[in-house]
Amino acid sequence: MKEYNCFIDSNIFLRTLLRDEEETFKDCVSFLNEIKKGEIKAFTSNLILAEINWTLLKFYKFPKEKVIEGLYSISRLKNLRIIDKFNANLAIEIYKKLPIKFIDALIASNPRILKKEVMIISYDKDFDKLNVIRKEPKEVIKTR
């Protein structure tokens, strides 16, 4: 059994909370179930929780109680760790050079992500502009 070190981006969690695209919803649920079972070693960040909070409240107009419920479901996901080791100055340099969102530059500034020890699980193709490994949930599940 191969074990992955994965950093989970906000859109993976959002797909499960919104269930707006059935195929990606199923892929994300399957992927998160692999984390719960301990088959995939995964991490996320408080940055991601903040991004999810903002997206659900401001963009999708979810009631605060539903947002809190979703945040709890993520933060309490069995076998998911929360890490917050980023290099702000490096992120600013990356952001300055590339047409990407600052939060993506901040995520990419994590030392383990930069060393390609951890892949980013995301549908956000902006990560492809960086020198990091990005995969979608179905790609990870398919190789298991």
C-alpha atoms as a PDB file:
ATOM      1  CA  MET A   1       0.000   0.000   0.000  1.00  0.00           C
ATOM      2  CA  LYS A   2       1.497   3.330  -1.053  1.00  0.00           C
ATOM      3  CA  GLU A   3       1.130   6.233   1.356  1.00  0.00           C
ATOM      4  CA  TYR A   4       0.809   9.786   0.071  1.00  0.00           C
ATOM      5  CA  ASN A   5       1.682  13.024   1.756  1.00  0.00           C
ATOM      6  CA  CYS A   6      -1.025  15.393   0.592  1.00  0.00           C
ATOM      7  CA  PHE A   7      -1.907  19.008   1.298  1.00  0.00           C
ATOM      8  CA  ILE A   8      -5.645  19.458   0.779  1.00  0.00           C
ATOM      9  CA  ASP A   9      -6.758  22.709  -0.878  1.00  0.00           C
ATOM     10  CA  SER A  10     -10.051  24.415  -0.074  1.00  0.00           C
ATOM     11  CA  ASN A  11     -11.820  23.376  -3.295  1.00  0.00           C
ATOM     12  CA  ILE A  12     -11.682  19.704  -2.302  1.00  0.00           C
ATOM     13  CA  PHE A  13     -13.623  20.396   0.887  1.00  0.00           C
ATOM     14  CA  LEU A  14     -15.899  22.885  -0.868  1.00  0.00           C
ATOM     15  CA  ARG A  15     -16.914  20.278  -3.464  1.00  0.00           C
ATOM     16  CA  THR A  16     -18.147  18.031  -0.655  1.00  0.00           C
ATOM     17  CA  LEU A  17     -19.927  20.826   1.206  1.00  0.00           C
ATOM     18  CA  LEU A  18     -21.566  22.321  -1.889  1.00  0.00           C
ATOM     19  CA  ARG A  19     -22.202  19.138  -3.883  1.00  0.00           C
ATOM     20  CA  ASP A  20     -22.461  21.308  -6.980  1.00  0.00           C
ATOM     21  CA  GLU A  21     -20.761  18.868  -9.380  1.00  0.00           C
ATOM     22  CA  GLU A  22     -21.737  15.234  -8.837  1.00  0.00           C
ATOM     23  CA  GLU A  23     -18.609  13.633 -10.343  1.00  0.00           C
ATOM     24  CA  THR A  24     -16.132  15.776  -8.389  1.00  0.00           C
ATOM     25  CA  PHE A  25     -18.307  15.404  -5.279  1.00  0.00           C
ATOM     26  CA  LYS A  26     -17.961  11.603  -5.487  1.00  0.00           C
ATOM     27  CA  ASP A  27     -14.220  11.809  -6.164  1.00  0.00           C
ATOM     28  CA  CYS A  28     -13.685  14.121  -3.192  1.00  0.00           C
ATOM     29  CA  VAL A  29     -15.818  12.002  -0.849  1.00  0.00           C
ATOM     30  CA  SER A  30     -13.876   8.875  -1.890  1.00  0.00           C
ATOM     31  CA  PHE A  31     -10.589  10.696  -1.374  1.00  0.00           C
ATOM     32  CA  LEU A  32     -11.602  12.014   2.073  1.00  0.00           C
ATOM     33  CA  ASN A  33     -12.780   8.524   3.045  1.00  0.00           C
ATOM     34  CA  GLU A  34      -9.277   7.225   2.255  1.00  0.00           C
ATOM     35  CA  ILE A  35      -7.921   9.832   4.679  1.00  0.00           C
ATOM     36  CA  LYS A  36     -10.418   8.772   7.362  1.00  0.00           C
ATOM     37  CA  LYS A  37      -9.331   5.149   6.958  1.00  0.00           C
ATOM     38  CA  GLY A  38      -5.688   6.185   7.318  1.00  0.00           C
ATOM     39  CA  GLU A  39      -4.861   5.040   3.789  1.00  0.00           C
ATOM     40  CA  ILE A  40      -3.713   8.531   2.773  1.00  0.00           C
ATOM     41  CA  LYS A  41      -1.633  10.784   5.003  1.00  0.00           C
ATOM     42  CA  ALA A  42      -3.068  14.275   4.606  1.00  0.00           C
ATOM     43  CA  PHE A  43      -2.691  17.810   5.865  1.00  0.00           C
ATOM     44  CA  THR A  44      -4.468  21.100   5.478  1.00  0.00           C
ATOM     45  CA  SER A  45      -4.122  24.517   7.084  1.00  0.00           C
ATOM     46  CA  ASN A  46      -6.001  27.148   9.011  1.00  0.00           C
ATOM     47  CA  LEU A  47      -5.565  29.243   5.842  1.00  0.00           C
ATOM     48  CA  ILE A  48      -7.771  26.736   4.058  1.00  0.00           C
ATOM     49  CA  LEU A  49     -10.389  26.859   6.814  1.00  0.00           C
ATOM     50  CA  ALA A  50     -10.403  30.671   6.555  1.00  0.00           C
ATOM     51  CA  GLU A  51     -10.776  30.515   2.767  1.00  0.00           C
ATOM     52  CA  ILE A  52     -13.664  28.042   3.081  1.00  0.00           C
ATOM     53  CA  ASN A  53     -15.329  30.250   5.696  1.00  0.00           C
ATOM     54  CA  TRP A  54     -15.089  33.323   3.464  1.00  0.00           C
ATOM     55  CA  THR A  55     -16.252  31.465   0.333  1.00  0.00           C
ATOM     56  CA  LEU A  56     -19.295  29.915   2.009  1.00  0.00           C
ATOM     57  CA  LEU A  57     -20.332  33.097   3.831  1.00  0.00           C
ATOM     58  CA  LYS A  58     -19.624  35.767   1.234  1.00  0.00           C
ATOM     59  CA  PHE A  59     -19.866  34.009  -2.125  1.00  0.00           C
ATOM     60  CA  TYR A  60     -22.447  31.288  -1.475  1.00  0.00           C
ATOM     61  CA  LYS A  61     -24.298  33.190   1.285  1.00  0.00           C
ATOM     62  CA  PHE A  62     -24.448  30.195   3.619  1.00  0.00           C
ATOM     63  CA  PRO A  63     -25.815  30.903   7.106  1.00  0.00           C
ATOM     64  CA  LYS A  64     -23.064  31.135   9.698  1.00  0.00           C
ATOM     65  CA  GLU A  65     -24.370  28.043  11.542  1.00  0.00           C
ATOM     66  CA  LYS A  66     -24.000  25.895   8.383  1.00  0.00           C
ATOM     67  CA  VAL A  67     -20.492  27.271   7.801  1.00  0.00           C
ATOM     68  CA  ILE A  68     -19.497  26.388  11.368  1.00  0.00           C
ATOM     69  CA  GLU A  69     -20.893  22.890  10.896  1.00  0.00           C
ATOM     70  CA  GLY A  70     -18.788  22.478   7.748  1.00  0.00           C
ATOM     71  CA  LEU A  71     -15.638  23.821   9.413  1.00  0.00           C
ATOM     72  CA  TYR A  72     -16.091  21.415  12.322  1.00  0.00           C
ATOM     73  CA  SER A  73     -16.531  18.503   9.922  1.00  0.00           C
ATOM     74  CA  ILE A  74     -13.189  19.370   8.314  1.00  0.00           C
ATOM     75  CA  SER A  75     -11.255  20.129  11.497  1.00  0.00           C
ATOM     76  CA  ARG A  76     -12.479  16.885  13.082  1.00  0.00           C
ATOM     77  CA  LEU A  77     -11.832  14.674  10.057  1.00  0.00           C
ATOM     78  CA  LYS A  78     -10.051  11.598  11.368  1.00  0.00           C
ATOM     79  CA  ASN A  79      -6.369  11.398  10.363  1.00  0.00           C
ATOM     80  CA  LEU A  80      -6.293  14.931   8.892  1.00  0.00           C
ATOM     81  CA  ARG A  81      -3.631  17.184  10.406  1.00  0.00           C
ATOM     82  CA  ILE A  82      -3.677  20.982  10.457  1.00  0.00           C
ATOM     83  CA  ILE A  83      -0.294  22.557   9.683  1.00  0.00           C
ATOM     84  CA  ASP A  84       0.654  26.188   9.359  1.00  0.00           C
ATOM     85  CA  LYS A  85       4.276  26.393   8.291  1.00  0.00           C
ATOM     86  CA  PHE A  86       4.583  28.935   5.510  1.00  0.00           C
ATOM     87  CA  ASN A  87       7.205  31.463   4.421  1.00  0.00           C
ATOM     88  CA  ALA A  88       5.483  34.829   3.967  1.00  0.00           C
ATOM     89  CA  ASN A  89       8.455  36.527   2.281  1.00  0.00           C
ATOM     90  CA  LEU A  90       8.860  33.700  -0.202  1.00  0.00           C
ATOM     91  CA  ALA A  91       5.112  33.744  -0.848  1.00  0.00           C
ATOM     92  CA  ILE A  92       5.261  37.468  -1.631  1.00  0.00           C
ATOM     93  CA  GLU A  93       8.125  36.857  -4.087  1.00  0.00           C
ATOM     94  CA  ILE A  94       6.188  34.058  -5.792  1.00  0.00           C
ATOM     95  CA  TYR A  95       3.062  36.238  -5.915  1.00  0.00           C
ATOM     96  CA  LYS A  96       5.081  39.100  -7.413  1.00  0.00           C
ATOM     97  CA  LYS A  97       6.410  36.898 -10.240  1.00  0.00           C
ATOM     98  CA  LEU A  98       3.356  34.852 -11.180  1.00  0.00           C
ATOM     99  CA  PRO A  99      -0.299  35.554 -12.041  1.00  0.00           C
ATOM    100  CA  ILE A 100      -1.752  33.532  -9.154  1.00  0.00           C
ATOM    101  CA  LYS A 101      -3.729  34.181  -5.978  1.00  0.00           C
ATOM    102  CA  PHE A 102      -1.685  35.148  -2.925  1.00  0.00           C
ATOM    103  CA  ILE A 103      -3.087  32.261  -0.893  1.00  0.00           C
ATOM    104  CA  ASP A 104      -1.806  29.824  -3.560  1.00  0.00           C
ATOM    105  CA  ALA A 105       1.651  31.399  -3.312  1.00  0.00           C
ATOM    106  CA  LEU A 106       1.477  31.091   0.466  1.00  0.00           C
ATOM    107  CA  ILE A 107       0.527  27.407   0.237  1.00  0.00           C
ATOM    108  CA  ALA A 108       3.378  26.780  -2.213  1.00  0.00           C
ATOM    109  CA  SER A 109       5.840  28.409   0.202  1.00  0.00           C
ATOM    110  CA  ASN A 110       5.507  25.495   2.634  1.00  0.00           C
ATOM    111  CA  PRO A 111       8.962  23.850   2.790  1.00  0.00           C
ATOM    112  CA  ARG A 112       7.633  20.292   2.338  1.00  0.00           C
ATOM    113  CA  ILE A 113       5.548  21.350  -0.669  1.00  0.00           C
ATOM    114  CA  LEU A 114       8.525  23.168  -2.198  1.00  0.00           C
ATOM    115  CA  LYS A 115      10.725  20.078  -1.758  1.00  0.00           C
ATOM    116  CA  LYS A 116       7.987  18.004  -3.452  1.00  0.00           C
ATOM    117  CA  GLU A 117       7.643  15.826  -0.358  1.00  0.00           C
ATOM    118  CA  VAL A 118       3.960  16.778  -0.268  1.00  0.00           C
ATOM    119  CA  MET A 119       1.613  17.045  -3.232  1.00  0.00           C
ATOM    120  CA  ILE A 120      -1.220  19.542  -3.365  1.00  0.00           C
ATOM    121  CA  ILE A 121      -4.629  17.995  -3.922  1.00  0.00           C
ATOM    122  CA  SER A 122      -6.625  20.603  -5.772  1.00  0.00           C
ATOM    123  CA  TYR A 123      -8.668  21.422  -8.857  1.00  0.00           C
ATOM    124  CA  ASP A 124      -6.908  24.818  -8.996  1.00  0.00           C
ATOM    125  CA  LYS A 125      -4.704  24.750 -12.090  1.00  0.00           C
ATOM    126  CA  ASP A 126      -2.823  27.849 -10.898  1.00  0.00           C
ATOM    127  CA  PHE A 127      -0.657  25.453  -8.889  1.00  0.00           C
ATOM    128  CA  ASP A 128       0.585  24.105 -12.227  1.00  0.00           C
ATOM    129  CA  LYS A 129       2.354  27.457 -12.745  1.00  0.00           C
ATOM    130  CA  LEU A 130       4.469  26.717  -9.677  1.00  0.00           C
ATOM    131  CA  ASN A 131       7.200  24.155  -9.297  1.00  0.00           C
ATOM    132  CA  VAL A 132       5.029  21.886  -7.101  1.00  0.00           C
ATOM    133  CA  ILE A 133       3.148  18.616  -7.511  1.00  0.00           C
ATOM    134  CA  ARG A 134      -0.629  18.998  -7.948  1.00  0.00           C
ATOM    135  CA  LYS A 135      -3.071  16.165  -8.408  1.00  0.00           C
ATOM    136  CA  GLU A 136      -6.835  15.866  -8.410  1.00  0.00           C
ATOM    137  CA  PRO A 137      -8.509  13.391  -6.042  1.00  0.00           C
ATOM    138  CA  LYS A 138      -9.367  10.912  -8.817  1.00  0.00           C
ATOM    139  CA  GLU A 139      -5.693  10.770  -9.881  1.00  0.00           C
ATOM    140  CA  VAL A 140      -4.601   9.796  -6.377  1.00  0.00           C
ATOM    141  CA  ILE A 141      -7.391   7.274  -5.862  1.00  0.00           C
ATOM    142  CA  LYS A 142      -6.802   5.738  -9.321  1.00  0.00           C
ATOM    143  CA  THR A 143      -3.130   5.014  -8.545  1.00  0.00           C
ATOM    144  CA  ARG A 144      -3.945   3.194  -5.288  1.00  0.00           C
END
